[in-house]
Protein backbone atom coordinates (compact mmCIF):
# COMPACT_ATOMS: atom_id res chain seq x y z
CA MET A 1 12.56 21.76 47.90
CA CYS A 2 14.10 19.29 47.56
CA VAL A 3 15.95 18.93 44.68
CA THR A 4 18.02 16.18 42.84
CA ARG A 5 20.18 16.05 40.32
CA VAL A 6 20.88 13.61 36.69
CA GLY A 7 22.97 11.50 36.57
CA LYS A 8 24.80 9.03 33.70
CA VAL A 9 26.83 6.25 35.75
CA LEU A 10 30.38 5.82 34.73
CA SER A 11 31.14 2.84 36.99
CA VAL A 12 29.61 0.72 39.65
CA GLN A 13 31.82 -0.83 42.71
CA GLY A 14 29.47 -3.05 44.52
CA THR A 15 27.19 -0.13 46.80
CA HIS A 16 29.27 2.62 44.47
CA ALA A 17 28.60 4.72 41.41
CA MET A 18 30.68 6.93 40.17
CA VAL A 19 27.80 8.77 38.02
CA ARG A 20 28.56 12.15 35.99
CA ILE A 21 26.49 14.86 37.24
CA LEU A 22 24.39 16.07 33.64
CA GLU A 23 23.68 19.58 35.16
CA THR A 24 26.98 20.27 35.96
CA GLY A 25 29.28 17.51 33.96
CA ALA A 26 30.88 16.86 37.91
CA VAL A 27 31.77 13.46 38.32
CA ALA A 28 30.72 12.36 42.04
CA ASP A 29 31.05 8.64 43.72
CA VAL A 30 26.82 8.43 44.86
CA ASN A 31 25.51 5.20 46.76
CA VAL A 32 22.89 3.20 44.80
CA SER A 33 22.59 0.71 47.47
CA MET A 34 18.44 1.99 46.74
CA VAL A 35 18.35 1.26 43.31
CA LYS A 36 19.34 -1.32 40.72
CA ALA A 37 22.49 0.85 38.60
CA ARG A 38 25.20 -0.39 35.69
CA LYS A 39 26.60 1.23 33.94
CA ASN A 40 25.67 4.11 31.54
CA ALA A 41 22.51 4.01 33.19
CA TYR A 42 20.55 7.04 33.95
CA LEU A 43 20.42 8.11 37.54
CA GLU A 44 17.69 10.25 39.47
CA ILE A 45 20.23 11.86 42.65
CA PHE A 46 18.92 13.43 45.87
CA ALA A 47 22.14 13.96 48.69
CA ASP A 48 24.91 11.86 47.38
CA SER A 49 22.20 8.62 47.19
CA ALA A 50 20.18 7.42 43.96
CA VAL A 51 16.87 7.84 44.88
CA GLY A 52 15.12 5.97 41.56
CA SER A 53 16.18 5.04 38.10
CA LEU A 54 15.32 7.42 35.00
CA THR A 55 15.59 6.57 31.35
CA LYS A 56 17.82 8.94 28.07
CA ARG A 57 14.55 10.75 27.84
CA GLU A 58 13.84 11.57 31.32
CA ALA A 59 17.27 12.39 32.40
CA GLU A 60 17.98 14.27 29.31
CA TRP A 61 13.87 16.21 29.73
CA LYS A 62 15.17 17.07 33.89
CA SER A 63 18.38 17.90 32.67
CA LYS A 64 17.13 20.42 30.69
CA ILE A 65 14.81 21.98 32.69
CA ARG A 66 16.57 22.10 35.56
CA SER A 67 19.01 23.75 33.95
CA GLU A 68 16.75 27.04 31.95
CA LEU A 69 15.60 27.43 36.06
CA LEU A 70 19.17 27.46 37.08
CA GLY A 71 20.33 30.48 34.25
CA ARG A 72 22.32 27.71 33.00
């Protein structure tokens, strides 16, 4: 089963963005070449690549569900 992570874009430089992962608070360098990324946008991330954009409401819901599943 492949599980994505949800993150909020802190900054964008070319095809890479610094993203704060909502579930853990960690900051990751994410490839954003497949999506339109801008500061404060929410992204769905798989294997250090953004695979989709989310609304704030969707991102918070997915993050909450994943945290519950992981027992955090």
